PDB file of N, CA and C in Angstrom:
ATOM      1  N   MET A   1     -19.765   2.535   1.142  1.00  0.00           N
ATOM      2  CA  MET A   1     -20.239   2.083   2.467  1.00  0.00           C
ATOM      3  C   MET A   1     -20.798   0.696   1.663  1.00  0.00           C
ATOM      4  N   LEU A   2     -21.076   0.489   0.481  1.00  0.00           N
ATOM      5  CA  LEU A   2     -21.343  -0.801  -0.195  1.00  0.00           C
ATOM      6  C   LEU A   2     -20.738  -1.672  -0.292  1.00  0.00           C
ATOM      7  N   LEU A   3     -19.713  -1.352  -0.395  1.00  0.00           N
ATOM      8  CA  LEU A   3     -18.252  -2.542  -0.489  1.00  0.00           C
ATOM      9  C   LEU A   3     -17.802  -2.874   0.591  1.00  0.00           C
ATOM     10  N   CYS A   4     -18.315  -2.148   2.359  1.00  0.00           N
ATOM     11  CA  CYS A   4     -18.046  -2.520   3.206  1.00  0.00           C
ATOM     12  C   CYS A   4     -19.401  -3.523   3.861  1.00  0.00           C
ATOM     13  N   GLY A   5     -20.322  -3.306   3.142  1.00  0.00           N
ATOM     14  CA  GLY A   5     -21.268  -4.232   3.556  1.00  0.00           C
ATOM     15  C   GLY A   5     -21.082  -5.275   2.532  1.00  0.00           C
ATOM     16  N   LEU A   6     -20.895  -5.315   1.651  1.00  0.00           N
ATOM     17  CA  LEU A   6     -20.513  -6.617   1.280  1.00  0.00           C
ATOM     18  C   LEU A   6     -19.784  -7.403   1.611  1.00  0.00           C
ATOM     19  N   ILE A   7     -18.577  -6.991   1.705  1.00  0.00           N
ATOM     20  CA  ILE A   7     -17.270  -7.425   2.369  1.00  0.00           C
ATOM     21  C   ILE A   7     -17.715  -8.354   4.207  1.00  0.00           C
ATOM     22  N   ASN A   8     -18.626  -7.783   4.510  1.00  0.00           N
ATOM     23  CA  ASN A   8     -18.982  -7.796   5.914  1.00  0.00           C
ATOM     24  C   ASN A   8     -20.004  -9.344   5.372  1.00  0.00           C
ATOM     25  N   LYS A   9     -20.578  -9.370   4.195  1.00  0.00           N
ATOM     26  CA  LYS A   9     -21.394 -10.259   4.230  1.00  0.00           C
ATOM     27  C   LYS A   9     -20.808 -11.881   3.928  1.00  0.00           C
ATOM     28  N   LEU A  10     -19.661 -11.216   3.139  1.00  0.00           N
ATOM     29  CA  LEU A  10     -18.850 -12.356   2.558  1.00  0.00           C
ATOM     30  C   LEU A  10     -17.566 -12.585   3.420  1.00  0.00           C
ATOM     31  N   LYS A  11     -17.550 -12.372   4.221  1.00  0.00           N
ATOM     32  CA  LYS A  11     -16.420 -12.304   5.556  1.00  0.00           C
ATOM     33  C   LYS A  11     -16.400 -13.646   5.872  1.00  0.00           C
ATOM     34  N   ASN A  12     -17.370 -14.698   6.098  1.00  0.00           N
ATOM     35  CA  ASN A  12     -17.414 -15.974   6.095  1.00  0.00           C
ATOM     36  C   ASN A  12     -17.156 -17.228   5.077  1.00  0.00           C
ATOM     37  N   GLU A  13     -16.809 -16.625   3.699  1.00  0.00           N
ATOM     38  CA  GLU A  13     -16.444 -16.887   2.529  1.00  0.00           C
ATOM     39  C   GLU A  13     -15.309 -16.836   2.110  1.00  0.00           C
ATOM     40  N   GLY A  14     -14.425 -16.610   2.924  1.00  0.00           N
ATOM     41  CA  GLY A  14     -12.797 -16.390   2.871  1.00  0.00           C
ATOM     42  C   GLY A  14     -12.650 -14.857   2.376  1.00  0.00           C
ATOM     43  N   VAL A  15     -13.312 -13.886   2.487  1.00  0.00           N
ATOM     44  CA  VAL A  15     -13.131 -12.596   2.004  1.00  0.00           C
ATOM     45  C   VAL A  15     -12.476 -11.985   3.046  1.00  0.00           C
ATOM     46  N   SER A  16     -10.790 -11.267   2.551  1.00  0.00           N
ATOM     47  CA  SER A  16     -10.326 -10.348   3.593  1.00  0.00           C
ATOM     48  C   SER A  16     -10.498  -8.761   2.515  1.00  0.00           C
ATOM     49  N   ALA A  17     -10.447  -7.669   3.454  1.00  0.00           N
ATOM     50  CA  ALA A  17     -10.056  -6.583   2.592  1.00  0.00           C
ATOM     51  C   ALA A  17      -8.820  -5.647   3.450  1.00  0.00           C
ATOM     52  N   TYR A  18      -7.893  -4.932   2.534  1.00  0.00           N
ATOM     53  CA  TYR A  18      -7.511  -3.772   2.840  1.00  0.00           C
ATOM     54  C   TYR A  18      -8.165  -2.953   2.409  1.00  0.00           C
ATOM     55  N   PHE A  19      -8.434  -1.502   3.210  1.00  0.00           N
ATOM     56  CA  PHE A  19      -8.653  -0.626   2.894  1.00  0.00           C
ATOM     57  C   PHE A  19      -7.410   1.027   3.181  1.00  0.00           C
ATOM     58  N   CYS A  20      -6.932   1.544   2.213  1.00  0.00           N
ATOM     59  CA  CYS A  20      -6.123   2.446   2.157  1.00  0.00           C
ATOM     60  C   CYS A  20      -6.497   4.095   2.350  1.00  0.00           C
ATOM     61  N   GLN A  21      -5.910   4.737   3.329  1.00  0.00           N
ATOM     62  CA  GLN A  21      -6.194   5.816   3.572  1.00  0.00           C
ATOM     63  C   GLN A  21      -5.163   7.008   2.869  1.00  0.00           C
ATOM     64  N   ALA A  22      -5.195   8.277   2.342  1.00  0.00           N
ATOM     65  CA  ALA A  22      -4.034   9.039   1.622  1.00  0.00           C
ATOM     66  C   ALA A  22      -3.769   9.805   2.744  1.00  0.00           C
ATOM     67  N   THR A  23      -4.373   9.743   3.882  1.00  0.00           N
ATOM     68  CA  THR A  23      -3.975  11.077   4.549  1.00  0.00           C
ATOM     69  C   THR A  23      -3.295   9.952   6.049  1.00  0.00           C
ATOM     70  N   ASP A  24      -2.933   8.541   5.729  1.00  0.00           N
ATOM     71  CA  ASP A  24      -1.736   8.297   7.047  1.00  0.00           C
ATOM     72  C   ASP A  24      -1.357   7.285   6.050  1.00  0.00           C
ATOM     73  N   VAL A  25       0.024   7.961   6.554  1.00  0.00           N
ATOM     74  CA  VAL A  25       1.219   7.480   5.861  1.00  0.00           C
ATOM     75  C   VAL A  25       1.470   6.158   6.358  1.00  0.00           C
ATOM     76  N   CYS A  26       1.078   5.597   7.565  1.00  0.00           N
ATOM     77  CA  CYS A  26       1.577   4.315   7.978  1.00  0.00           C
ATOM     78  C   CYS A  26       0.780   2.714   7.406  1.00  0.00           C
ATOM     79  N   ILE A  27      -0.188   3.739   6.489  1.00  0.00           N
ATOM     80  CA  ILE A  27      -1.325   2.402   6.021  1.00  0.00           C
ATOM     81  C   ILE A  27      -1.667   2.709   4.404  1.00  0.00           C
ATOM     82  N   ASN A  28      -0.879   3.667   4.057  1.00  0.00           N
ATOM     83  CA  ASN A  28      -0.977   3.928   2.273  1.00  0.00           C
ATOM     84  C   ASN A  28       0.130   3.901   1.398  1.00  0.00           C
ATOM     85  N   SER A  29       1.133   2.996   1.757  1.00  0.00           N
ATOM     86  CA  SER A  29       2.193   2.063   1.384  1.00  0.00           C
ATOM     87  C   SER A  29       2.158   0.804   0.987  1.00  0.00           C
ATOM     88  N   THR A  30       2.622   0.612  -0.594  1.00  0.00           N
ATOM     89  CA  THR A  30       2.777  -0.777  -0.607  1.00  0.00           C
ATOM     90  C   THR A  30       3.321  -1.832  -0.076  1.00  0.00           C
ATOM     91  N   THR A  31       4.420  -1.367   0.908  1.00  0.00           N
ATOM     92  CA  THR A  31       4.529  -2.577   1.661  1.00  0.00           C
ATOM     93  C   THR A  31       3.600  -2.349   3.083  1.00  0.00           C
ATOM     94  N   ALA A  32       2.647  -1.621   3.554  1.00  0.00           N
ATOM     95  CA  ALA A  32       1.435  -1.633   4.422  1.00  0.00           C
ATOM     96  C   ALA A  32       0.497  -2.292   3.972  1.00  0.00           C
ATOM     97  N   VAL A  33       0.266  -2.086   2.405  1.00  0.00           N
ATOM     98  CA  VAL A  33      -0.789  -3.128   2.290  1.00  0.00           C
ATOM     99  C   VAL A  33      -0.548  -4.665   2.219  1.00  0.00           C
ATOM    100  N   MET A  34       0.882  -5.179   1.931  1.00  0.00           N
ATOM    101  CA  MET A  34       1.189  -6.055   1.872  1.00  0.00           C
ATOM    102  C   MET A  34       1.032  -6.754   3.427  1.00  0.00           C
ATOM    103  N   ARG A  35       1.559  -5.946   4.455  1.00  0.00           N
ATOM    104  CA  ARG A  35       1.566  -6.387   5.806  1.00  0.00           C
ATOM    105  C   ARG A  35      -0.156  -6.547   5.926  1.00  0.00           C
ATOM    106  N   GLY A  36      -0.870  -5.514   5.658  1.00  0.00           N
ATOM    107  CA  GLY A  36      -2.491  -5.947   6.102  1.00  0.00           C
ATOM    108  C   GLY A  36      -2.891  -7.157   5.540  1.00  0.00           C
ATOM    109  N   LEU A  37      -2.566  -7.665   4.157  1.00  0.00           N
ATOM    110  CA  LEU A  37      -2.855  -8.688   3.699  1.00  0.00           C
ATOM    111  C   LEU A  37      -2.377  -9.657   4.420  1.00  0.00           C
ATOM    112  N   ILE A  38      -1.478  -9.730   4.581  1.00  0.00           N
ATOM    113  CA  ILE A  38      -0.469 -10.717   5.760  1.00  0.00           C
ATOM    114  C   ILE A  38      -1.234 -10.999   6.646  1.00  0.00           C
ATOM    115  N   TYR A  39      -1.542  -9.516   7.277  1.00  0.00           N
ATOM    116  CA  TYR A  39      -2.132 -10.150   8.649  1.00  0.00           C
ATOM    117  C   TYR A  39      -3.706 -10.833   8.165  1.00  0.00           C
ATOM    118  N   LEU A  40      -4.229 -10.475   7.448  1.00  0.00           N
ATOM    119  CA  LEU A  40      -5.665 -10.706   7.306  1.00  0.00           C
ATOM    120  C   LEU A  40      -5.733 -12.548   7.300  1.00  0.00           C
ATOM    121  N   LEU A  41      -4.752 -12.912   6.406  1.00  0.00           N
ATOM    122  CA  LEU A  41      -4.672 -14.272   5.641  1.00  0.00           C
ATOM    123  C   LEU A  41      -4.214 -15.083   6.779  1.00  0.00           C
ATOM    124  N   ILE A  42      -3.073 -14.584   7.740  1.00  0.00           N
ATOM    125  CA  ILE A  42      -2.520 -15.321   9.199  1.00  0.00           C
ATOM    126  C   ILE A  42      -3.608 -15.490  10.603  1.00  0.00           C
ATOM    127  N   ASP A  43      -4.323 -14.107   9.770  1.00  0.00           N
ATOM    128  CA  ASP A  43      -5.449 -14.332  11.359  1.00  0.00           C
ATOM    129  C   ASP A  43      -6.553 -15.206  10.783  1.00  0.00           C
ATOM    130  N   SER A  44      -7.424 -15.552   9.682  1.00  0.00           N
ATOM    131  CA  SER A  44      -7.682 -15.873   9.291  1.00  0.00           C
ATOM    132  C   SER A  44      -8.017 -17.290   9.061  1.00  0.00           C
ATOM    133  N   ARG A  45      -6.597 -18.048   9.167  1.00  0.00           N
ATOM    134  CA  ARG A  45      -5.963 -19.259   8.807  1.00  0.00           C
ATOM    135  C   ARG A  45      -4.499 -19.197   9.838  1.00  0.00           C
ATOM    136  N   PRO A  46      -4.775 -19.451  11.050  1.00  0.00           N
ATOM    137  CA  PRO A  46      -3.367 -18.987  12.314  1.00  0.00           C
ATOM    138  C   PRO A  46      -1.928 -20.299  11.517  1.00  0.00           C
ATOM    139  N   SER A  47      -2.758 -21.151  10.782  1.00  0.00           N
ATOM    140  CA  SER A  47      -1.928 -22.323  10.331  1.00  0.00           C
ATOM    141  C   SER A  47      -0.911 -22.047   9.454  1.00  0.00           C
ATOM    142  N   LEU A  48      -0.877 -20.481   8.539  1.00  0.00           N
ATOM    143  CA  LEU A  48      -0.289 -20.062   7.906  1.00  0.00           C
ATOM    144  C   LEU A  48       1.108 -19.038   8.575  1.00  0.00           C
ATOM    145  N   LEU A  49       0.852 -18.957   9.782  1.00  0.00           N
ATOM    146  CA  LEU A  49       1.543 -18.212  10.676  1.00  0.00           C
ATOM    147  C   LEU A  49       3.138 -18.966  10.263  1.00  0.00           C
ATOM    148  N   SER A  50       3.178 -20.008  10.176  1.00  0.00           N
ATOM    149  CA  SER A  50       4.912 -20.292   9.875  1.00  0.00           C
ATOM    150  C   SER A  50       5.830 -19.736   8.887  1.00  0.00           C
ATOM    151  N   HIS A  51       5.239 -19.139   7.607  1.00  0.00           N
ATOM    152  CA  HIS A  51       5.635 -18.287   6.860  1.00  0.00           C
ATOM    153  C   HIS A  51       6.366 -17.561   6.933  1.00  0.00           C
ATOM    154  N   LEU A  52       5.419 -16.525   7.666  1.00  0.00           N
ATOM    155  CA  LEU A  52       6.033 -15.280   8.588  1.00  0.00           C
ATOM    156  C   LEU A  52       6.989 -15.812   9.684  1.00  0.00           C
ATOM    157  N   GLN A  53       6.930 -16.374   9.948  1.00  0.00           N
ATOM    158  CA  GLN A  53       7.764 -16.843  12.049  1.00  0.00           C
ATOM    159  C   GLN A  53       9.153 -16.949  11.360  1.00  0.00           C
ATOM    160  N   LYS A  54       9.140 -18.122  10.382  1.00  0.00           N
ATOM    161  CA  LYS A  54      10.477 -18.390   9.884  1.00  0.00           C
ATOM    162  C   LYS A  54      11.463 -17.132   9.655  1.00  0.00           C
ATOM    163  N   ARG A  55      10.768 -16.053   8.927  1.00  0.00           N
ATOM    164  CA  ARG A  55      11.535 -14.996   8.609  1.00  0.00           C
ATOM    165  C   ARG A  55      11.637 -13.775   9.469  1.00  0.00           C
ATOM    166  N   TYR A  56      10.747 -13.856  10.342  1.00  0.00           N
ATOM    167  CA  TYR A  56      10.763 -12.932  11.733  1.00  0.00           C
ATOM    168  C   TYR A  56      12.058 -13.365  13.194  1.00  0.00           C
ATOM    169  N   ASN A  57      11.916 -14.674  12.363  1.00  0.00           N
ATOM    170  CA  ASN A  57      13.304 -14.811  13.884  1.00  0.00           C
ATOM    171  C   ASN A  57      14.136 -14.796  13.382  1.00  0.00           C
ATOM    172  N   ARG A  58      14.262 -14.778  12.350  1.00  0.00           N
ATOM    173  CA  ARG A  58      15.826 -13.890  11.494  1.00  0.00           C
ATOM    174  C   ARG A  58      15.944 -13.498  11.722  1.00  0.00           C
ATOM    175  N   ALA A  59      15.119 -11.702  11.231  1.00  0.00           N
ATOM    176  CA  ALA A  59      15.463 -10.655  10.718  1.00  0.00           C
ATOM    177  C   ALA A  59      15.311  -9.843  12.218  1.00  0.00           C
ATOM    178  N   GLY A  60      13.802 -10.337  12.869  1.00  0.00           N
ATOM    179  CA  GLY A  60      13.130  -9.557  13.904  1.00  0.00           C
ATOM    180  C   GLY A  60      12.308  -8.321  13.037  1.00  0.00           C
ATOM    181  N   ARG A  61      12.342  -7.328  13.923  1.00  0.00           N
ATOM    182  CA  ARG A  61      11.212  -6.395  13.776  1.00  0.00           C
ATOM    183  C   ARG A  61      11.605  -5.789  12.230  1.00  0.00           C
ATOM    184  N   GLN A  62      13.122  -5.240  12.116  1.00  0.00           N
ATOM    185  CA  GLN A  62      13.768  -4.714  10.760  1.00  0.00           C
ATOM    186  C   GLN A  62      12.977  -5.507   9.590  1.00  0.00           C
ATOM    187  N   LEU A  63      12.524  -6.579   9.767  1.00  0.00           N
ATOM    188  CA  LEU A  63      11.716  -7.441   8.525  1.00  0.00           C
ATOM    189  C   LEU A  63      10.584  -6.784   7.756  1.00  0.00           C
ATOM    190  N   PHE A  64      10.263  -5.804   8.779  1.00  0.00           N
ATOM    191  CA  PHE A  64       8.782  -4.631   8.126  1.00  0.00           C
ATOM    192  C   PHE A  64       9.773  -3.559   8.606  1.00  0.00           C
ATOM    193  N   GLU A  65      10.680  -3.136   8.638  1.00  0.00           N
ATOM    194  CA  GLU A  65      10.614  -1.673   8.772  1.00  0.00           C
ATOM    195  C   GLU A  65      11.841  -1.382   7.982  1.00  0.00           C
ATOM    196  N   ASN A  66      12.908  -1.986   7.623  1.00  0.00           N
ATOM    197  CA  ASN A  66      14.058  -1.577   6.611  1.00  0.00           C
ATOM    198  C   ASN A  66      13.805  -1.552   5.347  1.00  0.00           C
ATOM    199  N   VAL A  67      14.879  -1.156   4.163  1.00  0.00           N
ATOM    200  CA  VAL A  67      14.738  -0.784   3.216  1.00  0.00           C
ATOM    201  C   VAL A  67      14.242  -2.073   2.151  1.00  0.00           C
ATOM    202  N   ASN A  68      14.465  -3.248   2.636  1.00  0.00           N
ATOM    203  CA  ASN A  68      14.028  -3.929   2.201  1.00  0.00           C
ATOM    204  C   ASN A  68      12.738  -4.961   2.671  1.00  0.00           C
ATOM    205  N   ALA A  69      11.916  -3.879   3.306  1.00  0.00           N
ATOM    206  CA  ALA A  69      11.058  -4.229   3.543  1.00  0.00           C
ATOM    207  C   ALA A  69      10.045  -4.940   2.649  1.00  0.00           C
ATOM    208  N   TRP A  70       9.721  -4.452   1.739  1.00  0.00           N
ATOM    209  CA  TRP A  70       8.912  -4.995   0.330  1.00  0.00           C
ATOM    210  C   TRP A  70       9.397  -6.083  -0.415  1.00  0.00           C
ATOM    211  N   VAL A  71      10.689  -6.359  -0.099  1.00  0.00           N
ATOM    212  CA  VAL A  71      11.019  -7.636  -0.884  1.00  0.00           C
ATOM    213  C   VAL A  71      10.548  -9.008   0.093  1.00  0.00           C
ATOM    214  N   ALA A  72      11.011  -8.598   1.501  1.00  0.00           N
ATOM    215  CA  ALA A  72      10.519  -9.444   2.420  1.00  0.00           C
ATOM    216  C   ALA A  72       8.861 -10.030   2.792  1.00  0.00           C
ATOM    217  N   VAL A  73       8.323  -8.793   2.270  1.00  0.00           N
ATOM    218  CA  VAL A  73       6.787  -9.074   2.655  1.00  0.00           C
ATOM    219  C   VAL A  73       6.118  -9.472   1.227  1.00  0.00           C
ATOM    220  N   ARG A  74       6.507  -9.416   0.187  1.00  0.00           N
ATOM    221  CA  ARG A  74       6.502  -9.993  -0.955  1.00  0.00           C
ATOM    222  C   ARG A  74       6.418 -11.775  -0.626  1.00  0.00           C
ATOM    223  N   LYS A  75       7.908 -11.623  -0.618  1.00  0.00           N
ATOM    224  CA  LYS A  75       8.051 -13.440  -0.370  1.00  0.00           C
ATOM    225  C   LYS A  75       6.945 -13.905   0.849  1.00  0.00           C
ATOM    226  N   ILE A  76       7.173 -12.863   1.627  1.00  0.00           N
ATOM    227  CA  ILE A  76       5.978 -13.818   2.884  1.00  0.00           C
ATOM    228  C   ILE A  76       4.511 -14.096   2.158  1.00  0.00           C
ATOM    229  N   PHE A  77       4.204 -13.257   1.543  1.00  0.00           N
ATOM    230  CA  PHE A  77       2.828 -13.007   1.061  1.00  0.00           C
ATOM    231  C   PHE A  77       2.565 -14.185  -0.223  1.00  0.00           C
ATOM    232  N   LEU A  78       3.876 -14.094  -0.990  1.00  0.00           N
ATOM    233  CA  LEU A  78       4.121 -15.477  -2.123  1.00  0.00           C
ATOM    234  C   LEU A  78       3.849 -16.656  -1.679  1.00  0.00           C
ATOM    235  N   ASP A  79       4.831 -17.154  -0.435  1.00  0.00           N
ATOM    236  CA  ASP A  79       4.709 -18.211   0.228  1.00  0.00           C
ATOM    237  C   ASP A  79       3.271 -18.666   0.908  1.00  0.00           C
ATOM    238  N   ILE A  80       2.740 -17.533   1.323  1.00  0.00           N
ATOM    239  CA  ILE A  80       1.625 -17.835   1.736  1.00  0.00           C
ATOM    240  C   ILE A  80       0.642 -18.463   0.755  1.00  0.00           C
ATOM    241  N   LEU A  81       0.457 -17.750  -0.285  1.00  0.00           N
ATOM    242  CA  LEU A  81      -0.650 -18.080  -1.488  1.00  0.00           C
ATOM    243  C   LEU A  81      -0.191 -19.344  -1.800  1.00  0.00           C
ATOM    244  N   ASN A  82       1.341 -19.406  -2.029  1.00  0.00           N
ATOM    245  CA  ASN A  82       1.936 -21.005  -2.658  1.00  0.00           C
ATOM    246  C   ASN A  82       1.432 -22.051  -1.418  1.00  0.00           C
ATOM    247  N   ASN A  83       1.022 -21.336  -0.130  1.00  0.00           N
ATOM    248  CA  ASN A  83       0.677 -22.992   0.326  1.00  0.00           C
ATOM    249  C   ASN A  83      -0.431 -23.809  -0.033  1.00  0.00           C
ATOM    250  N   PRO A  84      -0.305 -25.348  -0.573  1.00  0.00           N
ATOM    251  CA  PRO A  84      -1.306 -26.085  -0.603  1.00  0.00           C
ATOM    252  C   PRO A  84      -2.344 -26.453   0.079  1.00  0.00           C
ATOM    253  N   THR A  85      -2.331 -25.957   1.455  1.00  0.00           N
ATOM    254  CA  THR A  85      -3.595 -26.113   2.238  1.00  0.00           C
ATOM    255  C   THR A  85      -4.831 -24.931   2.323  1.00  0.00           C
ATOM    256  N   LEU A  86      -4.131 -23.826   1.313  1.00  0.00           N
ATOM    257  CA  LEU A  86      -4.795 -22.360   1.510  1.00  0.00           C
ATOM    258  C   LEU A  86      -5.827 -22.688   0.107  1.00  0.00           C
ATOM    259  N   LEU A  87      -7.309 -22.564   0.887  1.00  0.00           N
ATOM    260  CA  LEU A  87      -8.604 -22.550   0.152  1.00  0.00           C
ATOM    261  C   LEU A  87      -8.319 -20.839  -0.699  1.00  0.00           C
ATOM    262  N   THR A  88      -9.273 -21.284  -1.849  1.00  0.00           N
ATOM    263  CA  THR A  88      -8.977 -19.649  -2.437  1.00  0.00           C
ATOM    264  C   THR A  88      -9.500 -18.859  -1.667  1.00  0.00           C
ATOM    265  N   PRO A  89      -8.371 -17.967  -1.210  1.00  0.00           N
ATOM    266  CA  PRO A  89      -8.711 -16.365  -0.386  1.00  0.00           C
ATOM    267  C   PRO A  89      -9.242 -15.759  -1.890  1.00  0.00           C
ATOM    268  N   TYR A  90     -10.474 -14.515  -1.522  1.00  0.00           N
ATOM    269  CA  TYR A  90     -10.190 -13.479  -1.884  1.00  0.00           C
ATOM    270  C   TYR A  90      -9.781 -12.357  -1.405  1.00  0.00           C
ATOM    271  N   LEU A  91      -8.818 -11.634  -1.944  1.00  0.00           N
ATOM    272  CA  LEU A  91      -8.336 -10.306  -1.245  1.00  0.00           C
ATOM    273  C   LEU A  91      -9.214  -9.016  -2.062  1.00  0.00           C
ATOM    274  N   VAL A  92      -9.480  -7.929  -1.582  1.00  0.00           N
ATOM    275  CA  VAL A  92      -9.681  -6.653  -1.470  1.00  0.00           C
ATOM    276  C   VAL A  92      -8.894  -5.851  -1.360  1.00  0.00           C
ATOM    277  N   VAL A  93      -8.294  -4.910  -1.863  1.00  0.00           N
ATOM    278  CA  VAL A  93      -7.694  -3.929  -1.492  1.00  0.00           C
ATOM    279  C   VAL A  93      -8.426  -2.677  -2.238  1.00  0.00           C
ATOM    280  N   ASN A  94      -8.611  -1.923  -1.476  1.00  0.00           N
ATOM    281  CA  ASN A  94     -10.072  -0.574  -1.673  1.00  0.00           C
ATOM    282  C   ASN A  94      -9.228   0.576  -1.299  1.00  0.00           C
ATOM    283  N   THR A  95      -9.485   1.806  -2.474  1.00  0.00           N
ATOM    284  CA  THR A  95      -8.823   2.484  -2.785  1.00  0.00           C
ATOM    285  C   THR A  95      -7.429   3.069  -3.146  1.00  0.00           C
ATOM    286  N   LEU A  96      -7.319   2.138  -4.178  1.00  0.00           N
ATOM    287  CA  LEU A  96      -5.750   1.863  -4.072  1.00  0.00           C
ATOM    288  C   LEU A  96      -4.999   3.346  -5.053  1.00  0.00           C
ATOM    289  N   ASP A  97      -6.297   4.390  -5.328  1.00  0.00           N
ATOM    290  CA  ASP A  97      -5.822   5.440  -6.055  1.00  0.00           C
ATOM    291  C   ASP A  97      -5.670   6.641  -5.176  1.00  0.00           C
ATOM    292  N   LYS A  98      -5.361   6.365  -4.008  1.00  0.00           N
ATOM    293  CA  LYS A  98      -5.642   7.474  -2.812  1.00  0.00           C
ATOM    294  C   LYS A  98      -4.006   7.508  -2.209  1.00  0.00           C
ATOM    295  N   TYR A  99      -3.197   6.592  -3.259  1.00  0.00           N
ATOM    296  CA  TYR A  99      -1.638   6.580  -2.582  1.00  0.00           C
ATOM    297  C   TYR A  99      -0.842   6.525  -4.092  1.00  0.00           C
ATOM    298  N   GLN A 100       0.335   6.856  -4.322  1.00  0.00           N
ATOM    299  CA  GLN A 100       1.104   7.049  -5.249  1.00  0.00           C
ATOM    300  C   GLN A 100       2.511   5.700  -4.965  1.00  0.00           C
ATOM    301  N   THR A 101       2.893   5.745  -4.151  1.00  0.00           N
ATOM    302  CA  THR A 101       4.123   5.545  -3.463  1.00  0.00           C
ATOM    303  C   THR A 101       4.019   3.655  -3.890  1.00  0.00           C
ATOM    304  N   GLY A 102       4.906   3.672  -4.824  1.00  0.00           N
ATOM    305  CA  GLY A 102       4.871   1.922  -5.260  1.00  0.00           C
ATOM    306  C   GLY A 102       3.500   0.823  -5.582  1.00  0.00           C
ATOM    307  N   ARG A 103       2.857   1.954  -5.851  1.00  0.00           N
ATOM    308  CA  ARG A 103       1.707   1.454  -6.131  1.00  0.00           C
ATOM    309  C   ARG A 103       1.559   0.119  -7.382  1.00  0.00           C
ATOM    310  N   SER A 104       2.376   1.088  -8.269  1.00  0.00           N
ATOM    311  CA  SER A 104       2.667   0.291  -9.793  1.00  0.00           C
ATOM    312  C   SER A 104       3.518  -1.268  -8.994  1.00  0.00           C
ATOM    313  N   LYS A 105       3.947  -1.418  -7.957  1.00  0.00           N
ATOM    314  CA  LYS A 105       4.562  -2.385  -7.731  1.00  0.00           C
ATOM    315  C   LYS A 105       3.761  -3.768  -7.220  1.00  0.00           C
ATOM    316  N   LEU A 106       2.691  -2.964  -6.313  1.00  0.00           N
ATOM    317  CA  LEU A 106       1.544  -3.867  -6.152  1.00  0.00           C
ATOM    318  C   LEU A 106       0.769  -4.168  -7.230  1.00  0.00           C
ATOM    319  N   LEU A 107       0.630  -3.506  -8.055  1.00  0.00           N
ATOM    320  CA  LEU A 107      -0.445  -3.958  -9.299  1.00  0.00           C
ATOM    321  C   LEU A 107       0.309  -4.630  -9.760  1.00  0.00           C
ATOM    322  N   ASP A 108       1.313  -4.579 -10.516  1.00  0.00           N
ATOM    323  CA  ASP A 108       2.630  -5.807 -10.888  1.00  0.00           C
ATOM    324  C   ASP A 108       2.216  -7.087 -10.491  1.00  0.00           C
ATOM    325  N   LEU A 109       2.411  -7.097  -9.110  1.00  0.00           N
ATOM    326  CA  LEU A 109       2.637  -8.551  -8.016  1.00  0.00           C
ATOM    327  C   LEU A 109       0.660  -8.845  -8.432  1.00  0.00           C
ATOM    328  N   ILE A 110       0.067  -8.271  -8.368  1.00  0.00           N
ATOM    329  CA  ILE A 110      -1.537  -8.375  -8.336  1.00  0.00           C
ATOM    330  C   ILE A 110      -1.613  -9.081 -10.037  1.00  0.00           C
ATOM    331  N   THR A 111      -1.251  -8.642 -11.092  1.00  0.00           N
ATOM    332  CA  THR A 111      -1.320  -9.217 -12.222  1.00  0.00           C
ATOM    333  C   THR A 111      -0.371 -10.420 -12.240  1.00  0.00           C
ATOM    334  N   PHE A 112       0.607 -10.318 -11.829  1.00  0.00           N
ATOM    335  CA  PHE A 112       1.612 -11.462 -11.661  1.00  0.00           C
ATOM    336  C   PHE A 112       0.814 -12.921 -11.104  1.00  0.00           C
ATOM    337  N   ARG A 113       0.432 -12.438  -9.874  1.00  0.00           N
ATOM    338  CA  ARG A 113      -0.082 -13.908  -9.066  1.00  0.00           C
ATOM    339  C   ARG A 113      -1.366 -13.854 -10.050  1.00  0.00           C
ATOM    340  N   SER A 114      -2.258 -13.426 -10.196  1.00  0.00           N
ATOM    341  CA  SER A 114      -3.267 -13.423 -10.846  1.00  0.00           C
ATOM    342  C   SER A 114      -3.602 -14.396 -12.091  1.00  0.00           C
ATOM    343  N   ALA A 115      -2.521 -14.657 -12.603  1.00  0.00           N
ATOM    344  CA  ALA A 115      -2.195 -15.375 -13.524  1.00  0.00           C
ATOM    345  C   ALA A 115      -2.068 -16.802 -13.503  1.00  0.00           C
ATOM    346  N   GLY A 116      -1.394 -16.985 -12.057  1.00  0.00           N
ATOM    347  CA  GLY A 116      -1.447 -18.826 -11.890  1.00  0.00           C
ATOM    348  C   GLY A 116      -1.433 -18.967 -10.308  1.00  0.00           C
ATOM    349  N   SER A 117      -2.609 -18.055  -9.922  1.00  0.00           N
ATOM    350  CA  SER A 117      -2.382 -18.304  -8.344  1.00  0.00           C
ATOM    351  C   SER A 117      -4.423 -18.830  -8.464  1.00  0.00           C
ATOM    352  N   GLN A 118      -4.755 -19.529  -7.145  1.00  0.00           N
ATOM    353  CA  GLN A 118      -5.886 -19.743  -7.055  1.00  0.00           C
ATOM    354  C   GLN A 118      -6.648 -18.324  -5.991  1.00  0.00           C
ATOM    355  N   ALA A 119      -5.543 -17.351  -5.631  1.00  0.00           N
ATOM    356  CA  ALA A 119      -6.339 -16.473  -4.832  1.00  0.00           C
ATOM    357  C   ALA A 119      -6.914 -15.408  -6.023  1.00  0.00           C
ATOM    358  N   LYS A 120      -7.697 -14.823  -5.690  1.00  0.00           N
ATOM    359  CA  LYS A 120      -8.587 -13.442  -6.548  1.00  0.00           C
ATOM    360  C   LYS A 120      -8.699 -12.209  -5.787  1.00  0.00           C
TER     361      LYS A 120
END
């Protein structure tokens, strides 16, 4: 609850948060976390939609559902973070310990991006 209160206070400062839940397989995968973060970033900065739209126009809904979904959302996410107009985004992923599927891929991405990105 403390984290929820902190996030609500900092929402106007560019903080976006995603909460995993072990009991819901729809939101506790690495791909789901990335989809959620992409949605939050685009929702707060609609100009970033072009990064998603160009890939969605080619692949359609399959972009998020097939076996290559992780690769697709990872590329979209990295494109968004590399956008020169993006101010420093603060992304919070809570309860990562609630799931195991693909968690190491997400942690590797976070480690990789934190080294050379303005995203925190």
